[in-house]
């Protein structure tokens, strides 16, 4: 009867879960104050007007408005939040 000796177990076979990075709100979308716009490692996108940067380089809205992506100097990408003026606020003035 033929036998085959058992092989040793591999030292591979592990992997970590994905970190769910990337753009969470795209240009033209509405955002509330504190809403996360981009999760990133390093500053692939830089904060513009009304956008803050967390300790892990997460970009978030400082005020409610509409998300706008634009290019800056030296090939940098920026994200800003343009405040939206509500029609009811204009009529009240």
PDB file of N, CA and C in Angstrom:
ATOM      1  N   UNK A   1       0.852  -1.172   0.000  1.00  0.00           N
ATOM      2  CA  UNK A   1       0.000   0.000   0.000  1.00  0.00           C
ATOM      3  C   UNK A   1       0.898   1.234   0.000  1.00  0.00           C
ATOM      4  N   UNK A   2       0.649   2.112  -0.961  1.00  0.00           N
ATOM      5  CA  UNK A   2       1.470   3.319  -1.066  1.00  0.00           C
ATOM      6  C   UNK A   2       0.990   4.365  -0.068  1.00  0.00           C
ATOM      7  N   UNK A   3       1.955   5.031   0.544  1.00  0.00           N
ATOM      8  CA  UNK A   3       1.642   6.099   1.490  1.00  0.00           C
ATOM      9  C   UNK A   3       2.384   7.359   1.079  1.00  0.00           C
ATOM     10  N   UNK A   4       1.795   8.502   1.439  1.00  0.00           N
ATOM     11  CA  UNK A   4       2.483   9.772   1.195  1.00  0.00           C
ATOM     12  C   UNK A   4       2.617  10.484   2.530  1.00  0.00           C
ATOM     13  N   UNK A   5       3.813  10.881   2.842  1.00  0.00           N
ATOM     14  CA  UNK A   5       4.058  11.560   4.114  1.00  0.00           C
ATOM     15  C   UNK A   5       3.382  12.935   4.085  1.00  0.00           C
ATOM     16  N   UNK A   6       2.776  13.313   5.200  1.00  0.00           N
ATOM     17  CA  UNK A   6       2.074  14.595   5.271  1.00  0.00           C
ATOM     18  C   UNK A   6       3.056  15.752   5.139  1.00  0.00           C
ATOM     19  N   UNK A   7       2.693  16.749   4.325  1.00  0.00           N
ATOM     20  CA  UNK A   7       3.536  17.934   4.176  1.00  0.00           C
ATOM     21  C   UNK A   7       3.317  18.906   5.323  1.00  0.00           C
ATOM     22  N   UNK A   8       4.284  19.764   5.562  1.00  0.00           N
ATOM     23  CA  UNK A   8       4.139  20.781   6.607  1.00  0.00           C
ATOM     24  C   UNK A   8       3.142  21.844   6.189  1.00  0.00           C
ATOM     25  N   UNK A   9       2.579  22.514   7.157  1.00  0.00           N
ATOM     26  CA  UNK A   9       1.601  23.555   6.842  1.00  0.00           C
ATOM     27  C   UNK A   9       2.316  24.810   6.341  1.00  0.00           C
ATOM     28  N   UNK A  10       1.650  25.534   5.475  1.00  0.00           N
ATOM     29  CA  UNK A  10       2.210  26.754   4.903  1.00  0.00           C
ATOM     30  C   UNK A  10       2.201  27.874   5.935  1.00  0.00           C
ATOM     31  N   UNK A  11       3.167  28.772   5.815  1.00  0.00           N
ATOM     32  CA  UNK A  11       3.191  29.937   6.706  1.00  0.00           C
ATOM     33  C   UNK A  11       2.444  31.120   6.096  1.00  0.00           C
ATOM     34  N   UNK A  12       1.834  30.912   4.946  1.00  0.00           N
ATOM     35  CA  UNK A  12       1.038  31.963   4.320  1.00  0.00           C
ATOM     36  C   UNK A  12      -0.423  31.832   4.755  1.00  0.00           C
ATOM     37  N   UNK A  13      -1.315  32.422   4.004  1.00  0.00           N
ATOM     38  CA  UNK A  13      -2.735  32.223   4.248  1.00  0.00           C
ATOM     39  C   UNK A  13      -3.380  33.246   5.160  1.00  0.00           C
ATOM     40  N   UNK A  14      -2.752  34.401   5.368  1.00  0.00           N
ATOM     41  CA  UNK A  14      -3.357  35.453   6.187  1.00  0.00           C
ATOM     42  C   UNK A  14      -3.510  36.711   5.337  1.00  0.00           C
ATOM     43  N   UNK A  15      -4.497  37.489   5.682  1.00  0.00           N
ATOM     44  CA  UNK A  15      -4.675  38.776   5.012  1.00  0.00           C
ATOM     45  C   UNK A  15      -5.494  39.670   5.936  1.00  0.00           C
ATOM     46  N   UNK A  16      -5.293  40.968   5.819  1.00  0.00           N
ATOM     47  CA  UNK A  16      -6.048  41.908   6.650  1.00  0.00           C
ATOM     48  C   UNK A  16      -7.253  42.425   5.861  1.00  0.00           C
ATOM     49  N   UNK A  17      -8.255  42.832   6.587  1.00  0.00           N
ATOM     50  CA  UNK A  17      -9.463  43.366   5.957  1.00  0.00           C
ATOM     51  C   UNK A  17      -9.162  44.713   5.311  1.00  0.00           C
ATOM     52  N   UNK A  18      -9.893  45.033   4.230  1.00  0.00           N
ATOM     53  CA  UNK A  18      -9.724  46.318   3.569  1.00  0.00           C
ATOM     54  C   UNK A  18     -10.075  47.466   4.497  1.00  0.00           C
ATOM     55  N   UNK A  19      -9.449  48.616   4.278  1.00  0.00           N
ATOM     56  CA  UNK A  19      -9.607  49.756   5.187  1.00  0.00           C
ATOM     57  C   UNK A  19     -10.720  50.711   4.799  1.00  0.00           C
ATOM     58  N   UNK A  20     -11.443  50.437   3.729  1.00  0.00           N
ATOM     59  CA  UNK A  20     -12.586  51.258   3.294  1.00  0.00           C
ATOM     60  C   UNK A  20     -12.195  52.720   3.062  1.00  0.00           C
ATOM     61  N   UNK A  21     -11.096  52.905   2.340  1.00  0.00           N
ATOM     62  CA  UNK A  21     -10.625  54.251   2.031  1.00  0.00           C
ATOM     63  C   UNK A  21     -11.290  54.747   0.750  1.00  0.00           C
ATOM     64  N   UNK A  22     -11.161  56.036   0.489  1.00  0.00           N
ATOM     65  CA  UNK A  22     -11.642  56.600  -0.764  1.00  0.00           C
ATOM     66  C   UNK A  22     -12.580  57.775  -0.560  1.00  0.00           C
ATOM     67  N   UNK A  23     -13.115  58.246  -1.669  1.00  0.00           N
ATOM     68  CA  UNK A  23     -14.031  59.388  -1.655  1.00  0.00           C
ATOM     69  C   UNK A  23     -15.401  58.897  -1.195  1.00  0.00           C
ATOM     70  N   UNK A  24     -15.942  59.538  -0.176  1.00  0.00           N
ATOM     71  CA  UNK A  24     -17.250  59.156   0.362  1.00  0.00           C
ATOM     72  C   UNK A  24     -18.368  60.038  -0.185  1.00  0.00           C
ATOM     73  N   UNK A  25     -18.064  61.299  -0.471  1.00  0.00           N
ATOM     74  CA  UNK A  25     -19.031  62.209  -1.084  1.00  0.00           C
ATOM     75  C   UNK A  25     -18.378  62.848  -2.305  1.00  0.00           C
ATOM     76  N   UNK A  26     -19.038  62.779  -3.438  1.00  0.00           N
ATOM     77  CA  UNK A  26     -18.477  63.282  -4.685  1.00  0.00           C
ATOM     78  C   UNK A  26     -18.931  64.716  -4.952  1.00  0.00           C
ATOM     79  N   UNK A  27     -18.324  65.341  -5.958  1.00  0.00           N
ATOM     80  CA  UNK A  27     -18.635  66.717  -6.301  1.00  0.00           C
ATOM     81  C   UNK A  27     -20.111  66.901  -6.615  1.00  0.00           C
ATOM     82  N   UNK A  28     -20.699  67.972  -6.083  1.00  0.00           N
ATOM     83  CA  UNK A  28     -22.105  68.263  -6.313  1.00  0.00           C
ATOM     84  C   UNK A  28     -23.036  67.694  -5.261  1.00  0.00           C
ATOM     85  N   UNK A  29     -22.521  66.804  -4.399  1.00  0.00           N
ATOM     86  CA  UNK A  29     -23.371  66.226  -3.361  1.00  0.00           C
ATOM     87  C   UNK A  29     -23.437  67.146  -2.151  1.00  0.00           C
ATOM     88  N   UNK A  30     -24.576  67.129  -1.467  1.00  0.00           N
ATOM     89  CA  UNK A  30     -24.745  67.938  -0.260  1.00  0.00           C
ATOM     90  C   UNK A  30     -24.085  67.236   0.919  1.00  0.00           C
ATOM     91  N   UNK A  31     -23.558  68.040   1.848  1.00  0.00           N
ATOM     92  CA  UNK A  31     -22.905  67.498   3.036  1.00  0.00           C
ATOM     93  C   UNK A  31     -23.301  68.344   4.236  1.00  0.00           C
ATOM     94  N   UNK A  32     -23.461  67.697   5.369  1.00  0.00           N
ATOM     95  CA  UNK A  32     -23.720  68.389   6.628  1.00  0.00           C
ATOM     96  C   UNK A  32     -22.388  68.699   7.298  1.00  0.00           C
ATOM     97  N   UNK A  33     -22.379  69.616   8.226  1.00  0.00           N
ATOM     98  CA  UNK A  33     -21.165  69.905   8.978  1.00  0.00           C
ATOM     99  C   UNK A  33     -20.698  68.661   9.718  1.00  0.00           C
ATOM    100  N   UNK A  34     -19.423  68.333   9.601  1.00  0.00           N
ATOM    101  CA  UNK A  34     -18.870  67.139  10.239  1.00  0.00           C
ATOM    102  C   UNK A  34     -18.926  65.902   9.373  1.00  0.00           C
ATOM    103  N   UNK A  35     -19.575  65.981   8.223  1.00  0.00           N
ATOM    104  CA  UNK A  35     -19.679  64.826   7.329  1.00  0.00           C
ATOM    105  C   UNK A  35     -18.343  64.501   6.679  1.00  0.00           C
ATOM    106  N   UNK A  36     -18.026  63.211   6.587  1.00  0.00           N
ATOM    107  CA  UNK A  36     -16.755  62.770   6.002  1.00  0.00           C
ATOM    108  C   UNK A  36     -16.855  62.840   4.485  1.00  0.00           C
ATOM    109  N   UNK A  37     -15.844  63.465   3.865  1.00  0.00           N
ATOM    110  CA  UNK A  37     -15.808  63.603   2.410  1.00  0.00           C
ATOM    111  C   UNK A  37     -14.833  62.599   1.808  1.00  0.00           C
ATOM    112  N   UNK A  38     -13.598  62.516   2.363  1.00  0.00           N
ATOM    113  CA  UNK A  38     -12.572  61.604   1.838  1.00  0.00           C
ATOM    114  C   UNK A  38     -11.855  60.929   2.997  1.00  0.00           C
ATOM    115  N   UNK A  39     -11.697  59.605   2.901  1.00  0.00           N
ATOM    116  CA  UNK A  39     -10.815  58.869   3.813  1.00  0.00           C
ATOM    117  C   UNK A  39      -9.594  58.475   3.005  1.00  0.00           C
ATOM    118  N   UNK A  40      -8.401  58.762   3.536  1.00  0.00           N
ATOM    119  CA  UNK A  40      -7.176  58.559   2.761  1.00  0.00           C
ATOM    120  C   UNK A  40      -5.995  58.294   3.672  1.00  0.00           C
ATOM    121  N   UNK A  41      -4.943  57.753   3.089  1.00  0.00           N
ATOM    122  CA  UNK A  41      -3.660  57.589   3.767  1.00  0.00           C
ATOM    123  C   UNK A  41      -2.719  58.634   3.179  1.00  0.00           C
ATOM    124  N   UNK A  42      -2.329  59.599   3.976  1.00  0.00           N
ATOM    125  CA  UNK A  42      -1.557  60.720   3.446  1.00  0.00           C
ATOM    126  C   UNK A  42      -2.504  61.714   2.799  1.00  0.00           C
ATOM    127  N   UNK A  43      -1.952  62.808   2.310  1.00  0.00           N
ATOM    128  CA  UNK A  43      -2.801  63.851   1.719  1.00  0.00           C
ATOM    129  C   UNK A  43      -2.815  63.725   0.202  1.00  0.00           C
ATOM    130  N   UNK A  44      -3.578  62.759  -0.301  1.00  0.00           N
ATOM    131  CA  UNK A  44      -3.785  62.656  -1.748  1.00  0.00           C
ATOM    132  C   UNK A  44      -4.661  63.819  -2.209  1.00  0.00           C
ATOM    133  N   UNK A  45      -5.614  64.199  -1.360  1.00  0.00           N
ATOM    134  CA  UNK A  45      -6.478  65.356  -1.607  1.00  0.00           C
ATOM    135  C   UNK A  45      -6.289  66.306  -0.438  1.00  0.00           C
ATOM    136  N   UNK A  46      -6.155  67.601  -0.736  1.00  0.00           N
ATOM    137  CA  UNK A  46      -5.899  68.606   0.299  1.00  0.00           C
ATOM    138  C   UNK A  46      -7.187  69.321   0.686  1.00  0.00           C
ATOM    139  N   UNK A  47      -7.289  69.792   1.929  1.00  0.00           N
ATOM    140  CA  UNK A  47      -8.495  70.507   2.346  1.00  0.00           C
ATOM    141  C   UNK A  47      -8.533  71.927   1.797  1.00  0.00           C
ATOM    142  N   UNK A  48      -9.699  72.339   1.316  1.00  0.00           N
ATOM    143  CA  UNK A  48      -9.909  73.700   0.832  1.00  0.00           C
ATOM    144  C   UNK A  48     -10.816  74.458   1.791  1.00  0.00           C
ATOM    145  N   UNK A  49     -11.660  75.357   1.234  1.00  0.00           N
ATOM    146  CA  UNK A  49     -12.575  76.153   2.055  1.00  0.00           C
ATOM    147  C   UNK A  49     -13.598  75.266   2.758  1.00  0.00           C
ATOM    148  N   UNK A  50     -13.818  75.550   4.040  1.00  0.00           N
ATOM    149  CA  UNK A  50     -14.819  74.860   4.858  1.00  0.00           C
ATOM    150  C   UNK A  50     -14.584  73.358   4.962  1.00  0.00           C
ATOM    151  N   UNK A  51     -13.313  72.925   4.843  1.00  0.00           N
ATOM    152  CA  UNK A  51     -12.966  71.509   4.979  1.00  0.00           C
ATOM    153  C   UNK A  51     -11.840  71.380   5.989  1.00  0.00           C
ATOM    154  N   UNK A  52     -11.999  70.464   6.936  1.00  0.00           N
ATOM    155  CA  UNK A  52     -10.979  70.194   7.941  1.00  0.00           C
ATOM    156  C   UNK A  52     -10.257  68.895   7.638  1.00  0.00           C
ATOM    157  N   UNK A  53      -9.097  68.708   8.299  1.00  0.00           N
ATOM    158  CA  UNK A  53      -8.277  67.512   8.099  1.00  0.00           C
ATOM    159  C   UNK A  53      -8.029  66.862   9.456  1.00  0.00           C
ATOM    160  N   UNK A  54      -8.414  65.588   9.592  1.00  0.00           N
ATOM    161  CA  UNK A  54      -8.224  64.863  10.838  1.00  0.00           C
ATOM    162  C   UNK A  54      -6.803  64.350  10.985  1.00  0.00           C
ATOM    163  N   UNK A  55      -6.503  63.749  12.142  1.00  0.00           N
ATOM    164  CA  UNK A  55      -5.152  63.249  12.411  1.00  0.00           C
ATOM    165  C   UNK A  55      -4.786  62.101  11.476  1.00  0.00           C
ATOM    166  N   UNK A  56      -5.780  61.391  10.934  1.00  0.00           N
ATOM    167  CA  UNK A  56      -5.512  60.313   9.970  1.00  0.00           C
ATOM    168  C   UNK A  56      -5.714  60.793   8.528  1.00  0.00           C
ATOM    169  N   UNK A  57      -5.683  62.113   8.319  1.00  0.00           N
ATOM    170  CA  UNK A  57      -5.821  62.772   7.011  1.00  0.00           C
ATOM    171  C   UNK A  57      -7.220  62.636   6.412  1.00  0.00           C
ATOM    172  N   UNK A  58      -8.199  62.280   7.231  1.00  0.00           N
ATOM    173  CA  UNK A  58      -9.585  62.266   6.764  1.00  0.00           C
ATOM    174  C   UNK A  58     -10.061  63.701   6.570  1.00  0.00           C
ATOM    175  N   UNK A  59     -10.679  63.965   5.421  1.00  0.00           N
ATOM    176  CA  UNK A  59     -11.216  65.295   5.140  1.00  0.00           C
ATOM    177  C   UNK A  59     -12.707  65.311   5.463  1.00  0.00           C
ATOM    178  N   UNK A  60     -13.134  66.351   6.196  1.00  0.00           N
ATOM    179  CA  UNK A  60     -14.523  66.439   6.632  1.00  0.00           C
ATOM    180  C   UNK A  60     -15.011  67.873   6.493  1.00  0.00           C
ATOM    181  N   UNK A  61     -16.321  68.020   6.369  1.00  0.00           N
ATOM    182  CA  UNK A  61     -16.935  69.334   6.185  1.00  0.00           C
ATOM    183  C   UNK A  61     -16.997  70.079   7.510  1.00  0.00           C
ATOM    184  N   UNK A  62     -16.625  71.359   7.493  1.00  0.00           N
ATOM    185  CA  UNK A  62     -16.753  72.212   8.671  1.00  0.00           C
ATOM    186  C   UNK A  62     -18.128  72.867   8.722  1.00  0.00           C
ATOM    187  N   UNK A  63     -18.742  73.073   7.561  1.00  0.00           N
ATOM    188  CA  UNK A  63     -20.078  73.656   7.464  1.00  0.00           C
ATOM    189  C   UNK A  63     -20.898  72.856   6.461  1.00  0.00           C
ATOM    190  N   UNK A  64     -22.209  73.005   6.523  1.00  0.00           N
ATOM    191  CA  UNK A  64     -23.086  72.367   5.546  1.00  0.00           C
ATOM    192  C   UNK A  64     -22.948  73.074   4.204  1.00  0.00           C
ATOM    193  N   UNK A  65     -23.087  72.315   3.125  1.00  0.00           N
ATOM    194  CA  UNK A  65     -22.999  72.895   1.791  1.00  0.00           C
ATOM    195  C   UNK A  65     -22.881  71.825   0.727  1.00  0.00           C
ATOM    196  N   UNK A  66     -22.266  72.201  -0.400  1.00  0.00           N
ATOM    197  CA  UNK A  66     -22.098  71.311  -1.541  1.00  0.00           C
ATOM    198  C   UNK A  66     -20.611  71.047  -1.746  1.00  0.00           C
ATOM    199  N   UNK A  67     -20.256  69.783  -1.975  1.00  0.00           N
ATOM    200  CA  UNK A  67     -18.861  69.372  -2.159  1.00  0.00           C
ATOM    201  C   UNK A  67     -18.381  69.797  -3.544  1.00  0.00           C
ATOM    202  N   UNK A  68     -17.168  70.388  -3.601  1.00  0.00           N
ATOM    203  CA  UNK A  68     -16.565  70.811  -4.864  1.00  0.00           C
ATOM    204  C   UNK A  68     -15.110  70.364  -4.878  1.00  0.00           C
ATOM    205  N   UNK A  69     -14.710  69.602  -5.905  1.00  0.00           N
ATOM    206  CA  UNK A  69     -13.310  69.217  -6.095  1.00  0.00           C
ATOM    207  C   UNK A  69     -12.703  70.142  -7.139  1.00  0.00           C
ATOM    208  N   UNK A  70     -11.461  70.579  -6.913  1.00  0.00           N
ATOM    209  CA  UNK A  70     -10.785  71.440  -7.886  1.00  0.00           C
ATOM    210  C   UNK A  70      -9.280  71.228  -7.795  1.00  0.00           C
ATOM    211  N   UNK A  71      -8.587  71.613  -8.872  1.00  0.00           N
ATOM    212  CA  UNK A  71      -7.133  71.482  -8.932  1.00  0.00           C
ATOM    213  C   UNK A  71      -6.483  72.771  -8.475  1.00  0.00           C
ATOM    214  N   UNK A  72      -5.327  72.628  -7.821  1.00  0.00           N
ATOM    215  CA  UNK A  72      -4.574  73.782  -7.351  1.00  0.00           C
ATOM    216  C   UNK A  72      -3.185  73.799  -7.949  1.00  0.00           C
ATOM    217  N   UNK A  73      -2.292  74.531  -7.304  1.00  0.00           N
ATOM    218  CA  UNK A  73      -0.919  74.636  -7.780  1.00  0.00           C
ATOM    219  C   UNK A  73      -0.180  73.318  -7.593  1.00  0.00           C
ATOM    220  N   UNK A  74       0.818  73.100  -8.413  1.00  0.00           N
ATOM    221  CA  UNK A  74       1.718  71.948  -8.330  1.00  0.00           C
ATOM    222  C   UNK A  74       0.972  70.622  -8.445  1.00  0.00           C
ATOM    223  N   UNK A  75      -0.127  70.619  -9.199  1.00  0.00           N
ATOM    224  CA  UNK A  75      -0.863  69.388  -9.441  1.00  0.00           C
ATOM    225  C   UNK A  75      -1.629  68.851  -8.251  1.00  0.00           C
ATOM    226  N   UNK A  76      -1.843  69.676  -7.233  1.00  0.00           N
ATOM    227  CA  UNK A  76      -2.581  69.215  -6.053  1.00  0.00           C
ATOM    228  C   UNK A  76      -4.084  69.240  -6.308  1.00  0.00           C
ATOM    229  N   UNK A  77      -4.766  68.279  -5.708  1.00  0.00           N
ATOM    230  CA  UNK A  77      -6.227  68.251  -5.760  1.00  0.00           C
ATOM    231  C   UNK A  77      -6.749  68.781  -4.431  1.00  0.00           C
ATOM    232  N   UNK A  78      -7.766  69.616  -4.504  1.00  0.00           N
ATOM    233  CA  UNK A  78      -8.382  70.200  -3.317  1.00  0.00           C
ATOM    234  C   UNK A  78      -9.867  69.867  -3.308  1.00  0.00           C
ATOM    235  N   UNK A  79     -10.420  69.810  -2.101  1.00  0.00           N
ATOM    236  CA  UNK A  79     -11.869  69.675  -1.957  1.00  0.00           C
ATOM    237  C   UNK A  79     -12.346  70.795  -1.040  1.00  0.00           C
ATOM    238  N   UNK A  80     -13.413  71.461  -1.465  1.00  0.00           N
ATOM    239  CA  UNK A  80     -14.004  72.549  -0.692  1.00  0.00           C
ATOM    240  C   UNK A  80     -15.487  72.272  -0.510  1.00  0.00           C
ATOM    241  N   UNK A  81     -16.082  73.004   0.420  1.00  0.00           N
ATOM    242  CA  UNK A  81     -17.528  72.939   0.615  1.00  0.00           C
ATOM    243  C   UNK A  81     -18.065  74.346   0.425  1.00  0.00           C
ATOM    244  N   UNK A  82     -18.894  74.522  -0.604  1.00  0.00           N
ATOM    245  CA  UNK A  82     -19.536  75.809  -0.862  1.00  0.00           C
ATOM    246  C   UNK A  82     -20.848  75.854  -0.092  1.00  0.00           C
ATOM    247  N   UNK A  83     -21.015  76.900   0.719  1.00  0.00           N
ATOM    248  CA  UNK A  83     -22.237  77.047   1.512  1.00  0.00           C
ATOM    249  C   UNK A  83     -23.424  77.262   0.583  1.00  0.00           C
ATOM    250  N   UNK A  84     -24.526  76.633   0.920  1.00  0.00           N
ATOM    251  CA  UNK A  84     -25.753  76.771   0.137  1.00  0.00           C
ATOM    252  C   UNK A  84     -26.662  77.754   0.853  1.00  0.00           C
ATOM    253  N   UNK A  85     -27.108  78.778   0.123  1.00  0.00           N
ATOM    254  CA  UNK A  85     -28.035  79.758   0.686  1.00  0.00           C
ATOM    255  C   UNK A  85     -29.448  79.253   0.413  1.00  0.00           C
ATOM    256  N   UNK A  86     -30.191  79.010   1.481  1.00  0.00           N
ATOM    257  CA  UNK A  86     -31.559  78.495   1.344  1.00  0.00           C
ATOM    258  C   UNK A  86     -32.480  79.590   0.798  1.00  0.00           C
ATOM    259  N   UNK A  87     -33.398  79.260  -0.111  1.00  0.00           N
ATOM    260  CA  UNK A  87     -34.337  80.259  -0.640  1.00  0.00           C
ATOM    261  C   UNK A  87     -35.179  80.915   0.456  1.00  0.00           C
ATOM    262  N   UNK A  88     -35.510  80.176   1.510  1.00  0.00           N
ATOM    263  CA  UNK A  88     -36.306  80.740   2.603  1.00  0.00           C
ATOM    264  C   UNK A  88     -35.527  81.831   3.334  1.00  0.00           C
ATOM    265  N   UNK A  89     -34.203  81.673   3.427  1.00  0.00           N
ATOM    266  CA  UNK A  89     -33.378  82.672   4.099  1.00  0.00           C
ATOM    267  C   UNK A  89     -33.314  83.962   3.280  1.00  0.00           C
ATOM    268  N   UNK A  90     -33.316  83.830   1.951  1.00  0.00           N
ATOM    269  CA  UNK A  90     -33.278  85.010   1.082  1.00  0.00           C
ATOM    270  C   UNK A  90     -34.612  85.761   1.176  1.00  0.00           C
ATOM    271  N   UNK A  91     -35.719  85.026   1.188  1.00  0.00           N
ATOM    272  CA  UNK A  91     -37.041  85.647   1.243  1.00  0.00           C
ATOM    273  C   UNK A  91     -37.273  86.358   2.572  1.00  0.00           C
ATOM    274  N   UNK A  92     -36.637  85.890   3.645  1.00  0.00           N
ATOM    275  CA  UNK A  92     -36.827  86.489   4.962  1.00  0.00           C
ATOM    276  C   UNK A  92     -36.129  87.838   5.086  1.00  0.00           C
ATOM    277  N   UNK A  93     -35.144  88.098   4.229  1.00  0.00           N
ATOM    278  CA  UNK A  93     -34.384  89.358   4.332  1.00  0.00           C
ATOM    279  C   UNK A  93     -35.143  90.542   3.793  1.00  0.00           C
TER     280      UNK A  93
END
